[in-house]
Amino acid sequence: MNRLSICLLLLVFVVACGEDKLNKLNSSQPVLAFGDSLTAGVGANEVAAYPQQLERLIGFNVINAGISGETTEEGLARLSSVLDEHNPQLVILLEGGNDILRNYDLNKTEQNLARMIEEIQSRSIQLVFLGVPEKNIFSDSAPLYKELASEYNLVFDGEVISKLIKKKRYKSDPIHFNALGYQKLAENIRDLLDDNGAL
């Protein structure tokens, strides 16, 4: 292979790697934050929950569809009706922490999350996926999250929750954030959206 061919292949590779994974957000449809207590904002007042802080950061309507204590089975059961109600252009999915804390079968958790991802993608809705750590202070997100992100080619962050939860100044209790923690989470999601072409 000559030098010109190699240069052209490298150029194609660089262009392909630089392609945005998300479409630009617009004001016609909301962003939906779907999950459990970390989405609902337990540990801070309502205006400090990450969806409300994200809305202020990005200038688009962000709906807080978090329910404290929810498991992936319960989230799967309500997802379709929430999507029907709000018709979002993008979903931020942060679910599974209660399954992990309660030592549920993680194979079932993975199946539930896979079905949620498939439901969202079947409607051509964009998706950002956040991983939840195992019950281990040194852990990033549980391996199932990375596996799902790879299988479904998702915009994914498997580190932000575990990084924040390791720092006392960001927490209101051992598993929930305070207002500053939710602010940092919102900022990270804003950067993730920006890096992937949504902003």
N, C-alpha and C. Protein backbone atom coordinates (compact mmCIF):
# COMPACT_ATOMS: atom_id res chain seq x y z
N MET A 1 0.85 -1.19 0.00
CA MET A 1 0.00 0.00 0.00
C MET A 1 0.90 1.25 0.00
N ASN A 2 0.65 2.17 -0.94
CA ASN A 2 1.49 3.36 -1.01
C ASN A 2 1.09 4.42 0.02
N ARG A 3 1.93 5.46 0.12
CA ARG A 3 1.71 6.48 1.15
C ARG A 3 0.40 7.22 0.96
N LEU A 4 0.02 7.48 -0.28
CA LEU A 4 -1.24 8.19 -0.54
C LEU A 4 -2.43 7.37 -0.05
N SER A 5 -2.41 6.07 -0.31
CA SER A 5 -3.51 5.20 0.14
C SER A 5 -3.59 5.18 1.66
N ILE A 6 -2.44 5.11 2.31
CA ILE A 6 -2.42 5.11 3.78
C ILE A 6 -2.96 6.41 4.34
N CYS A 7 -2.56 7.53 3.73
CA CYS A 7 -3.05 8.85 4.18
C CYS A 7 -4.56 8.96 4.01
N LEU A 8 -5.07 8.46 2.88
CA LEU A 8 -6.52 8.52 2.65
C LEU A 8 -7.28 7.67 3.66
N LEU A 9 -6.74 6.50 3.97
CA LEU A 9 -7.39 5.64 4.97
C LEU A 9 -7.40 6.29 6.34
N LEU A 10 -6.29 6.93 6.69
CA LEU A 10 -6.22 7.63 7.98
C LEU A 10 -7.22 8.78 8.04
N LEU A 11 -7.36 9.50 6.93
CA LEU A 11 -8.29 10.61 6.86
C LEU A 11 -9.73 10.12 7.04
N VAL A 12 -10.08 9.04 6.37
CA VAL A 12 -11.41 8.46 6.50
C VAL A 12 -11.67 8.04 7.95
N PHE A 13 -10.65 7.44 8.57
CA PHE A 13 -10.77 7.00 9.96
C PHE A 13 -11.01 8.18 10.90
N VAL A 14 -10.25 9.25 10.72
CA VAL A 14 -10.38 10.43 11.57
C VAL A 14 -11.76 11.06 11.40
N VAL A 15 -12.23 11.17 10.17
CA VAL A 15 -13.56 11.75 9.91
C VAL A 15 -14.64 10.90 10.54
N ALA A 16 -14.53 9.57 10.38
CA ALA A 16 -15.53 8.67 10.95
C ALA A 16 -15.55 8.77 12.47
N CYS A 17 -14.37 8.86 13.08
CA CYS A 17 -14.30 8.95 14.54
C CYS A 17 -14.86 10.28 15.05
N GLY A 18 -14.84 11.30 14.20
CA GLY A 18 -15.30 12.61 14.62
C GLY A 18 -16.78 12.85 14.42
N GLU A 19 -17.50 11.86 13.89
CA GLU A 19 -18.92 12.03 13.64
C GLU A 19 -19.69 12.11 14.96
N ASP A 20 -20.66 13.02 15.00
CA ASP A 20 -21.49 13.16 16.19
C ASP A 20 -22.42 11.96 16.32
N LYS A 21 -22.63 11.52 17.56
CA LYS A 21 -23.52 10.38 17.79
C LYS A 21 -24.95 10.84 18.07
N LEU A 22 -25.14 12.15 18.35
CA LEU A 22 -26.47 12.67 18.64
C LEU A 22 -26.82 13.79 17.68
N ASN A 23 -28.11 13.95 17.41
CA ASN A 23 -28.59 15.08 16.62
C ASN A 23 -28.76 16.29 17.53
N LYS A 24 -28.69 17.46 16.94
CA LYS A 24 -28.88 18.70 17.70
C LYS A 24 -30.25 18.73 18.37
N LEU A 25 -30.27 19.14 19.61
CA LEU A 25 -31.54 19.32 20.31
C LEU A 25 -32.25 20.55 19.77
N ASN A 26 -33.59 20.52 19.86
CA ASN A 26 -34.39 21.67 19.44
C ASN A 26 -35.43 21.94 20.51
N SER A 27 -36.12 23.05 20.37
CA SER A 27 -37.07 23.46 21.41
C SER A 27 -38.46 22.86 21.23
N SER A 28 -38.67 22.05 20.19
CA SER A 28 -40.02 21.55 19.91
C SER A 28 -40.41 20.37 20.78
N GLN A 29 -39.43 19.61 21.30
CA GLN A 29 -39.72 18.45 22.13
C GLN A 29 -38.83 18.47 23.37
N PRO A 30 -39.31 17.91 24.47
CA PRO A 30 -38.51 17.92 25.69
C PRO A 30 -37.42 16.86 25.71
N VAL A 31 -36.51 17.02 26.65
CA VAL A 31 -35.58 15.98 27.05
C VAL A 31 -36.20 15.30 28.27
N LEU A 32 -36.12 13.98 28.32
CA LEU A 32 -36.71 13.23 29.43
C LEU A 32 -35.62 12.59 30.27
N ALA A 33 -35.56 12.95 31.54
CA ALA A 33 -34.64 12.32 32.49
C ALA A 33 -35.43 11.23 33.21
N PHE A 34 -35.07 9.96 32.95
CA PHE A 34 -35.84 8.83 33.45
C PHE A 34 -34.98 8.01 34.40
N GLY A 35 -35.51 7.72 35.59
CA GLY A 35 -34.72 6.93 36.53
C GLY A 35 -35.34 6.87 37.91
N ASP A 36 -34.47 6.67 38.89
CA ASP A 36 -34.92 6.48 40.27
C ASP A 36 -34.59 7.71 41.11
N SER A 37 -34.15 7.50 42.36
CA SER A 37 -33.95 8.63 43.29
C SER A 37 -32.86 9.59 42.85
N LEU A 38 -31.83 9.10 42.14
CA LEU A 38 -30.77 9.99 41.67
C LEU A 38 -31.28 10.94 40.58
N THR A 39 -32.35 10.55 39.90
CA THR A 39 -33.00 11.45 38.95
C THR A 39 -34.02 12.34 39.67
N ALA A 40 -34.77 11.75 40.58
CA ALA A 40 -35.78 12.51 41.33
C ALA A 40 -35.14 13.63 42.15
N GLY A 41 -33.88 13.41 42.58
CA GLY A 41 -33.17 14.45 43.34
C GLY A 41 -33.22 14.28 44.83
N VAL A 42 -33.41 13.05 45.31
CA VAL A 42 -33.42 12.79 46.75
C VAL A 42 -32.10 13.28 47.36
N GLY A 43 -32.22 14.02 48.46
CA GLY A 43 -31.05 14.58 49.12
C GLY A 43 -30.88 16.06 48.90
N ALA A 44 -31.69 16.62 48.00
CA ALA A 44 -31.65 18.06 47.73
C ALA A 44 -33.08 18.53 47.49
N ASN A 45 -33.28 19.84 47.46
CA ASN A 45 -34.64 20.30 47.17
C ASN A 45 -34.94 20.15 45.68
N GLU A 46 -36.20 20.28 45.34
CA GLU A 46 -36.67 19.94 43.99
C GLU A 46 -35.92 20.70 42.90
N VAL A 47 -35.64 21.98 43.11
CA VAL A 47 -35.01 22.77 42.06
C VAL A 47 -33.54 22.42 41.87
N ALA A 48 -32.97 21.64 42.83
CA ALA A 48 -31.57 21.27 42.74
C ALA A 48 -31.36 19.88 42.14
N ALA A 49 -32.44 19.15 41.83
CA ALA A 49 -32.30 17.84 41.18
C ALA A 49 -31.58 18.04 39.84
N TYR A 50 -30.86 17.01 39.40
CA TYR A 50 -30.04 17.21 38.20
C TYR A 50 -30.85 17.59 36.96
N PRO A 51 -32.09 17.05 36.74
CA PRO A 51 -32.81 17.48 35.54
C PRO A 51 -33.11 18.98 35.52
N GLN A 52 -33.48 19.52 36.68
CA GLN A 52 -33.77 20.96 36.75
C GLN A 52 -32.49 21.78 36.53
N GLN A 53 -31.38 21.31 37.08
CA GLN A 53 -30.13 22.03 36.88
C GLN A 53 -29.65 21.90 35.43
N LEU A 54 -29.86 20.74 34.84
CA LEU A 54 -29.49 20.54 33.43
C LEU A 54 -30.31 21.46 32.52
N GLU A 55 -31.59 21.60 32.82
CA GLU A 55 -32.46 22.48 32.03
C GLU A 55 -31.89 23.90 32.01
N ARG A 56 -31.44 24.38 33.16
CA ARG A 56 -30.87 25.73 33.22
C ARG A 56 -29.55 25.82 32.44
N LEU A 57 -28.80 24.74 32.42
CA LEU A 57 -27.51 24.74 31.73
C LEU A 57 -27.65 24.71 30.21
N ILE A 58 -28.64 23.96 29.70
CA ILE A 58 -28.71 23.76 28.24
C ILE A 58 -29.80 24.60 27.57
N GLY A 59 -30.71 25.16 28.35
CA GLY A 59 -31.74 26.02 27.77
C GLY A 59 -32.85 25.29 27.06
N PHE A 60 -33.01 23.99 27.33
CA PHE A 60 -34.10 23.21 26.77
C PHE A 60 -34.91 22.59 27.90
N ASN A 61 -36.20 22.34 27.63
CA ASN A 61 -37.08 21.75 28.62
C ASN A 61 -36.62 20.33 28.97
N VAL A 62 -36.33 20.10 30.26
CA VAL A 62 -35.93 18.78 30.74
C VAL A 62 -36.96 18.32 31.77
N ILE A 63 -37.62 17.21 31.50
CA ILE A 63 -38.66 16.68 32.38
C ILE A 63 -38.04 15.69 33.36
N ASN A 64 -38.34 15.88 34.63
CA ASN A 64 -37.85 14.99 35.67
C ASN A 64 -38.86 13.85 35.85
N ALA A 65 -38.50 12.67 35.33
CA ALA A 65 -39.35 11.48 35.47
C ALA A 65 -38.67 10.46 36.37
N GLY A 66 -38.12 10.96 37.48
CA GLY A 66 -37.48 10.08 38.46
C GLY A 66 -38.43 9.69 39.56
N ILE A 67 -38.37 8.41 39.98
CA ILE A 67 -39.18 7.92 41.10
C ILE A 67 -38.27 7.23 42.09
N SER A 68 -38.23 7.76 43.29
CA SER A 68 -37.36 7.21 44.33
C SER A 68 -37.74 5.77 44.66
N GLY A 69 -36.72 4.91 44.77
CA GLY A 69 -36.94 3.51 45.13
C GLY A 69 -37.27 2.60 43.98
N GLU A 70 -37.39 3.14 42.79
CA GLU A 70 -37.81 2.33 41.64
C GLU A 70 -36.74 1.31 41.24
N THR A 71 -37.18 0.11 40.90
CA THR A 71 -36.31 -0.91 40.34
C THR A 71 -36.42 -0.91 38.82
N THR A 72 -35.53 -1.63 38.16
CA THR A 72 -35.61 -1.68 36.69
C THR A 72 -36.89 -2.34 36.21
N GLU A 73 -37.39 -3.30 36.98
CA GLU A 73 -38.65 -3.94 36.59
C GLU A 73 -39.80 -2.93 36.62
N GLU A 74 -39.81 -2.11 37.67
CA GLU A 74 -40.84 -1.08 37.78
C GLU A 74 -40.65 0.00 36.73
N GLY A 75 -39.40 0.36 36.46
CA GLY A 75 -39.13 1.36 35.43
C GLY A 75 -39.57 0.89 34.06
N LEU A 76 -39.29 -0.38 33.77
CA LEU A 76 -39.71 -0.95 32.49
C LEU A 76 -41.23 -0.90 32.35
N ALA A 77 -41.93 -1.18 33.45
CA ALA A 77 -43.40 -1.20 33.41
C ALA A 77 -43.99 0.17 33.12
N ARG A 78 -43.33 1.24 33.54
CA ARG A 78 -43.92 2.58 33.34
C ARG A 78 -43.34 3.34 32.16
N LEU A 79 -42.24 2.84 31.59
CA LEU A 79 -41.53 3.61 30.56
C LEU A 79 -42.42 3.96 29.37
N SER A 80 -43.14 3.00 28.84
CA SER A 80 -43.92 3.24 27.64
C SER A 80 -44.93 4.37 27.82
N SER A 81 -45.62 4.38 28.96
CA SER A 81 -46.64 5.42 29.18
C SER A 81 -45.98 6.79 29.35
N VAL A 82 -44.79 6.83 29.96
CA VAL A 82 -44.09 8.12 30.12
C VAL A 82 -43.64 8.63 28.76
N LEU A 83 -43.15 7.74 27.90
CA LEU A 83 -42.76 8.16 26.54
C LEU A 83 -43.97 8.63 25.76
N ASP A 84 -45.11 7.94 25.92
CA ASP A 84 -46.34 8.36 25.24
C ASP A 84 -46.76 9.75 25.69
N GLU A 85 -46.65 9.99 26.99
CA GLU A 85 -47.11 11.26 27.55
C GLU A 85 -46.26 12.44 27.09
N HIS A 86 -44.93 12.25 27.05
CA HIS A 86 -44.05 13.40 26.83
C HIS A 86 -43.43 13.47 25.44
N ASN A 87 -43.41 12.38 24.69
CA ASN A 87 -42.84 12.35 23.35
C ASN A 87 -41.49 13.08 23.29
N PRO A 88 -40.50 12.62 24.05
CA PRO A 88 -39.22 13.34 24.12
C PRO A 88 -38.38 13.16 22.87
N GLN A 89 -37.45 14.09 22.66
CA GLN A 89 -36.48 13.94 21.57
C GLN A 89 -35.24 13.19 22.05
N LEU A 90 -35.04 13.13 23.37
CA LEU A 90 -33.88 12.45 23.94
C LEU A 90 -34.24 11.99 25.34
N VAL A 91 -33.78 10.79 25.70
CA VAL A 91 -33.96 10.24 27.04
C VAL A 91 -32.59 10.07 27.70
N ILE A 92 -32.48 10.52 28.95
CA ILE A 92 -31.31 10.24 29.78
C ILE A 92 -31.73 9.15 30.75
N LEU A 93 -31.15 7.96 30.61
CA LEU A 93 -31.56 6.79 31.38
C LEU A 93 -30.54 6.51 32.49
N LEU A 94 -31.01 6.61 33.73
CA LEU A 94 -30.18 6.35 34.91
C LEU A 94 -30.99 5.47 35.85
N GLU A 95 -30.82 4.18 35.72
CA GLU A 95 -31.69 3.22 36.42
C GLU A 95 -30.87 1.99 36.80
N GLY A 96 -31.26 1.36 37.91
CA GLY A 96 -30.62 0.10 38.30
C GLY A 96 -29.96 0.12 39.66
N GLY A 97 -29.82 1.29 40.25
CA GLY A 97 -29.18 1.38 41.55
C GLY A 97 -29.89 0.60 42.63
N ASN A 98 -31.21 0.60 42.60
CA ASN A 98 -31.97 -0.13 43.63
C ASN A 98 -31.85 -1.64 43.44
N ASP A 99 -31.76 -2.08 42.20
CA ASP A 99 -31.52 -3.51 41.95
C ASP A 99 -30.20 -3.94 42.59
N ILE A 100 -29.17 -3.11 42.39
CA ILE A 100 -27.85 -3.43 42.91
C ILE A 100 -27.84 -3.39 44.44
N LEU A 101 -28.44 -2.36 45.02
CA LEU A 101 -28.46 -2.24 46.47
C LEU A 101 -29.23 -3.39 47.13
N ARG A 102 -30.24 -3.90 46.44
CA ARG A 102 -31.07 -4.98 47.01
C ARG A 102 -30.59 -6.37 46.59
N ASN A 103 -29.44 -6.42 45.94
CA ASN A 103 -28.84 -7.70 45.52
C ASN A 103 -29.75 -8.51 44.60
N TYR A 104 -30.46 -7.81 43.71
CA TYR A 104 -31.28 -8.51 42.72
C TYR A 104 -30.38 -9.22 41.72
N ASP A 105 -30.97 -10.17 41.01
CA ASP A 105 -30.26 -10.90 39.96
C ASP A 105 -29.88 -9.91 38.85
N LEU A 106 -28.58 -9.69 38.66
CA LEU A 106 -28.14 -8.68 37.70
C LEU A 106 -28.38 -9.10 36.26
N ASN A 107 -28.54 -10.38 36.01
CA ASN A 107 -28.93 -10.81 34.66
C ASN A 107 -30.32 -10.28 34.33
N LYS A 108 -31.21 -10.32 35.33
CA LYS A 108 -32.56 -9.79 35.12
C LYS A 108 -32.52 -8.26 34.99
N THR A 109 -31.67 -7.62 35.79
CA THR A 109 -31.50 -6.18 35.67
C THR A 109 -31.05 -5.80 34.27
N GLU A 110 -30.08 -6.54 33.76
CA GLU A 110 -29.58 -6.28 32.41
C GLU A 110 -30.67 -6.48 31.37
N GLN A 111 -31.46 -7.52 31.54
CA GLN A 111 -32.57 -7.77 30.60
C GLN A 111 -33.58 -6.63 30.63
N ASN A 112 -33.91 -6.16 31.84
CA ASN A 112 -34.86 -5.06 31.96
C ASN A 112 -34.33 -3.80 31.28
N LEU A 113 -33.06 -3.48 31.53
CA LEU A 113 -32.46 -2.30 30.91
C LEU A 113 -32.40 -2.45 29.39
N ALA A 114 -32.09 -3.64 28.92
CA ALA A 114 -32.06 -3.88 27.47
C ALA A 114 -33.43 -3.63 26.85
N ARG A 115 -34.48 -4.07 27.53
CA ARG A 115 -35.83 -3.86 27.01
C ARG A 115 -36.21 -2.37 27.04
N MET A 116 -35.72 -1.66 28.03
CA MET A 116 -35.97 -0.21 28.09
C MET A 116 -35.25 0.49 26.94
N ILE A 117 -34.00 0.11 26.71
CA ILE A 117 -33.23 0.70 25.61
C ILE A 117 -33.93 0.42 24.28
N GLU A 118 -34.37 -0.82 24.09
CA GLU A 118 -35.03 -1.20 22.84
C GLU A 118 -36.34 -0.44 22.65
N GLU A 119 -37.07 -0.22 23.74
CA GLU A 119 -38.32 0.54 23.65
C GLU A 119 -38.04 1.98 23.21
N ILE A 120 -37.02 2.58 23.78
CA ILE A 120 -36.66 3.96 23.42
C ILE A 120 -36.18 4.02 21.97
N GLN A 121 -35.30 3.12 21.59
CA GLN A 121 -34.75 3.13 20.23
C GLN A 121 -35.81 2.79 19.19
N SER A 122 -36.79 1.96 19.55
CA SER A 122 -37.84 1.59 18.58
C SER A 122 -38.69 2.79 18.19
N ARG A 123 -38.65 3.84 19.01
CA ARG A 123 -39.40 5.06 18.73
C ARG A 123 -38.50 6.13 18.09
N SER A 124 -37.29 5.76 17.74
CA SER A 124 -36.30 6.68 17.14
C SER A 124 -36.02 7.87 18.05
N ILE A 125 -36.00 7.60 19.34
CA ILE A 125 -35.66 8.62 20.33
C ILE A 125 -34.18 8.47 20.69
N GLN A 126 -33.47 9.56 20.75
CA GLN A 126 -32.06 9.53 21.12
C GLN A 126 -31.92 9.15 22.60
N LEU A 127 -30.77 8.55 22.93
CA LEU A 127 -30.60 8.01 24.27
C LEU A 127 -29.20 8.28 24.80
N VAL A 128 -29.14 8.75 26.03
CA VAL A 128 -27.89 8.86 26.79
C VAL A 128 -28.02 7.93 27.99
N PHE A 129 -27.01 7.09 28.20
CA PHE A 129 -27.07 6.02 29.20
C PHE A 129 -26.00 6.26 30.26
N LEU A 130 -26.42 6.22 31.53
CA LEU A 130 -25.49 6.43 32.64
C LEU A 130 -25.38 5.15 33.47
N GLY A 131 -24.15 4.78 33.82
CA GLY A 131 -23.92 3.56 34.58
C GLY A 131 -23.94 3.79 36.08
N VAL A 132 -24.34 2.76 36.80
CA VAL A 132 -24.40 2.78 38.26
C VAL A 132 -23.33 1.84 38.81
N PRO A 133 -22.59 2.26 39.83
CA PRO A 133 -21.52 1.39 40.35
C PRO A 133 -22.03 0.19 41.12
N GLU A 134 -21.17 -0.82 41.19
CA GLU A 134 -21.44 -1.96 42.05
C GLU A 134 -21.30 -1.53 43.51
N LYS A 135 -21.64 -2.41 44.44
CA LYS A 135 -21.49 -2.09 45.87
C LYS A 135 -20.03 -2.30 46.28
N ASN A 136 -19.19 -1.45 45.75
CA ASN A 136 -17.76 -1.54 45.97
C ASN A 136 -17.21 -0.13 45.80
N ILE A 137 -16.57 0.40 46.82
CA ILE A 137 -16.13 1.80 46.78
C ILE A 137 -15.14 2.08 45.66
N PHE A 138 -14.46 1.04 45.19
CA PHE A 138 -13.47 1.23 44.14
C PHE A 138 -14.04 1.02 42.74
N SER A 139 -15.33 0.71 42.66
CA SER A 139 -15.94 0.31 41.39
C SER A 139 -16.36 1.51 40.54
N ASP A 140 -16.14 1.37 39.23
CA ASP A 140 -16.86 2.21 38.29
C ASP A 140 -18.22 1.53 38.10
N SER A 141 -18.92 1.81 37.01
CA SER A 141 -20.24 1.21 36.86
C SER A 141 -20.14 -0.31 36.74
N ALA A 142 -21.20 -0.99 37.14
CA ALA A 142 -21.27 -2.44 37.03
C ALA A 142 -21.05 -2.83 35.57
N PRO A 143 -20.35 -3.94 35.30
CA PRO A 143 -20.00 -4.31 33.92
C PRO A 143 -21.18 -4.38 32.96
N LEU A 144 -22.37 -4.69 33.46
CA LEU A 144 -23.51 -4.83 32.57
C LEU A 144 -23.81 -3.53 31.82
N TYR A 145 -23.50 -2.38 32.42
CA TYR A 145 -23.79 -1.10 31.77
C TYR A 145 -22.91 -0.90 30.54
N LYS A 146 -21.64 -1.18 30.69
CA LYS A 146 -20.72 -1.04 29.56
C LYS A 146 -21.08 -2.02 28.45
N GLU A 147 -21.47 -3.23 28.85
CA GLU A 147 -21.87 -4.24 27.86
C GLU A 147 -23.08 -3.76 27.06
N LEU A 148 -24.07 -3.22 27.76
CA LEU A 148 -25.26 -2.72 27.07
C LEU A 148 -24.93 -1.53 26.18
N ALA A 149 -24.11 -0.63 26.69
CA ALA A 149 -23.72 0.55 25.90
C ALA A 149 -23.03 0.14 24.61
N SER A 150 -22.18 -0.87 24.70
CA SER A 150 -21.48 -1.36 23.51
C SER A 150 -22.43 -2.06 22.56
N GLU A 151 -23.29 -2.91 23.12
CA GLU A 151 -24.22 -3.69 22.28
C GLU A 151 -25.17 -2.78 21.50
N TYR A 152 -25.64 -1.73 22.14
CA TYR A 152 -26.64 -0.85 21.51
C TYR A 152 -26.03 0.45 20.98
N ASN A 153 -24.71 0.56 21.01
CA ASN A 153 -23.99 1.73 20.47
C ASN A 153 -24.52 3.03 21.06
N LEU A 154 -24.47 3.11 22.39
CA LEU A 154 -25.07 4.24 23.09
C LEU A 154 -24.03 5.29 23.48
N VAL A 155 -24.47 6.53 23.57
CA VAL A 155 -23.70 7.56 24.25
C VAL A 155 -23.75 7.20 25.73
N PHE A 156 -22.59 7.03 26.35
CA PHE A 156 -22.52 6.38 27.66
C PHE A 156 -21.49 7.04 28.56
N ASP A 157 -21.83 7.15 29.85
CA ASP A 157 -20.86 7.55 30.86
C ASP A 157 -20.95 6.54 32.01
N GLY A 158 -19.87 5.80 32.20
CA GLY A 158 -19.84 4.79 33.25
C GLY A 158 -19.05 5.21 34.46
N GLU A 159 -18.66 6.49 34.53
CA GLU A 159 -17.77 6.92 35.61
C GLU A 159 -18.34 8.00 36.51
N VAL A 160 -19.20 8.86 35.99
CA VAL A 160 -19.57 10.06 36.74
C VAL A 160 -20.26 9.74 38.07
N ILE A 161 -21.18 8.77 38.09
CA ILE A 161 -21.88 8.45 39.34
C ILE A 161 -20.90 7.94 40.38
N SER A 162 -20.03 7.01 39.98
CA SER A 162 -19.08 6.45 40.94
C SER A 162 -18.08 7.50 41.43
N LYS A 163 -17.65 8.40 40.55
CA LYS A 163 -16.72 9.45 40.97
C LYS A 163 -17.35 10.37 42.00
N LEU A 164 -18.58 10.78 41.77
CA LEU A 164 -19.26 11.69 42.69
C LEU A 164 -19.57 11.01 44.02
N ILE A 165 -19.95 9.74 43.96
CA ILE A 165 -20.38 9.06 45.18
C ILE A 165 -19.20 8.75 46.11
N LYS A 166 -17.98 8.85 45.59
CA LYS A 166 -16.79 8.61 46.41
C LYS A 166 -16.37 9.86 47.20
N LYS A 167 -17.00 11.00 46.90
CA LYS A 167 -16.57 12.26 47.52
C LYS A 167 -17.66 12.79 48.45
N LYS A 168 -17.32 12.88 49.72
CA LYS A 168 -18.29 13.23 50.75
C LYS A 168 -18.93 14.60 50.50
N ARG A 169 -18.18 15.53 49.93
CA ARG A 169 -18.71 16.89 49.76
C ARG A 169 -19.86 16.95 48.76
N TYR A 170 -20.03 15.89 47.96
CA TYR A 170 -21.11 15.86 46.97
C TYR A 170 -22.33 15.07 47.44
N LYS A 171 -22.30 14.54 48.67
CA LYS A 171 -23.34 13.61 49.08
C LYS A 171 -24.18 14.14 50.25
N SER A 172 -25.45 13.76 50.25
CA SER A 172 -26.34 14.07 51.36
C SER A 172 -26.44 12.88 52.31
N ASP A 173 -26.17 11.69 51.81
CA ASP A 173 -26.16 10.45 52.59
C ASP A 173 -25.30 9.45 51.80
N PRO A 174 -25.15 8.21 52.24
CA PRO A 174 -24.23 7.31 51.55
C PRO A 174 -24.53 7.04 50.07
N ILE A 175 -25.78 7.21 49.63
CA ILE A 175 -26.09 6.86 48.24
C ILE A 175 -26.72 7.98 47.42
N HIS A 176 -27.00 9.13 48.04
CA HIS A 176 -27.63 10.24 47.31
C HIS A 176 -26.73 11.48 47.34
N PHE A 177 -26.93 12.32 46.35
CA PHE A 177 -26.14 13.54 46.25
C PHE A 177 -26.83 14.70 46.95
N ASN A 178 -26.04 15.73 47.23
CA ASN A 178 -26.59 17.00 47.68
C ASN A 178 -26.71 17.92 46.45
N ALA A 179 -27.09 19.17 46.67
CA ALA A 179 -27.29 20.08 45.54
C ALA A 179 -26.02 20.23 44.70
N LEU A 180 -24.87 20.29 45.34
CA LEU A 180 -23.61 20.42 44.61
C LEU A 180 -23.32 19.16 43.80
N GLY A 181 -23.61 18.00 44.36
CA GLY A 181 -23.41 16.76 43.63
C GLY A 181 -24.29 16.68 42.40
N TYR A 182 -25.55 17.08 42.55
CA TYR A 182 -26.45 17.07 41.39
C TYR A 182 -26.02 18.12 40.36
N GLN A 183 -25.47 19.22 40.83
CA GLN A 183 -24.94 20.23 39.90
C GLN A 183 -23.80 19.63 39.07
N LYS A 184 -22.88 18.92 39.73
CA LYS A 184 -21.77 18.30 39.02
C LYS A 184 -22.26 17.25 38.04
N LEU A 185 -23.29 16.49 38.42
CA LEU A 185 -23.87 15.50 37.52
C LEU A 185 -24.47 16.19 36.30
N ALA A 186 -25.22 17.26 36.52
CA ALA A 186 -25.83 18.00 35.41
C ALA A 186 -24.76 18.57 34.49
N GLU A 187 -23.69 19.09 35.05
CA GLU A 187 -22.61 19.65 34.23
C GLU A 187 -21.95 18.56 33.39
N ASN A 188 -21.77 17.39 33.98
CA ASN A 188 -21.18 16.28 33.23
C ASN A 188 -22.07 15.84 32.08
N ILE A 189 -23.37 15.79 32.33
CA ILE A 189 -24.30 15.41 31.26
C ILE A 189 -24.33 16.48 30.18
N ARG A 190 -24.30 17.75 30.58
CA ARG A 190 -24.22 18.84 29.59
C ARG A 190 -23.00 18.67 28.69
N ASP A 191 -21.86 18.35 29.30
CA ASP A 191 -20.63 18.16 28.51
C ASP A 191 -20.74 16.94 27.61
N LEU A 192 -21.38 15.88 28.10
CA LEU A 192 -21.58 14.67 27.30
C LEU A 192 -22.45 14.97 26.08
N LEU A 193 -23.52 15.74 26.29
CA LEU A 193 -24.37 16.15 25.18
C LEU A 193 -23.61 17.00 24.17
N ASP A 194 -22.84 17.94 24.69
CA ASP A 194 -22.06 18.82 23.83
C ASP A 194 -21.03 18.04 23.02
N ASP A 195 -20.30 17.15 23.69
CA ASP A 195 -19.25 16.38 23.03
C ASP A 195 -19.79 15.48 21.93
N ASN A 196 -21.07 15.09 22.05
CA ASN A 196 -21.66 14.18 21.07
C ASN A 196 -22.60 14.85 20.09
N GLY A 197 -22.55 16.19 20.03
CA GLY A 197 -23.24 16.92 18.97
C GLY A 197 -24.65 17.37 19.26
N ALA A 198 -25.14 17.17 20.49
CA ALA A 198 -26.54 17.53 20.79
C ALA A 198 -26.71 19.01 21.06
N LEU A 199 -25.64 19.71 21.41
CA LEU A 199 -25.74 21.15 21.74
C LEU A 199 -24.95 21.99 20.76
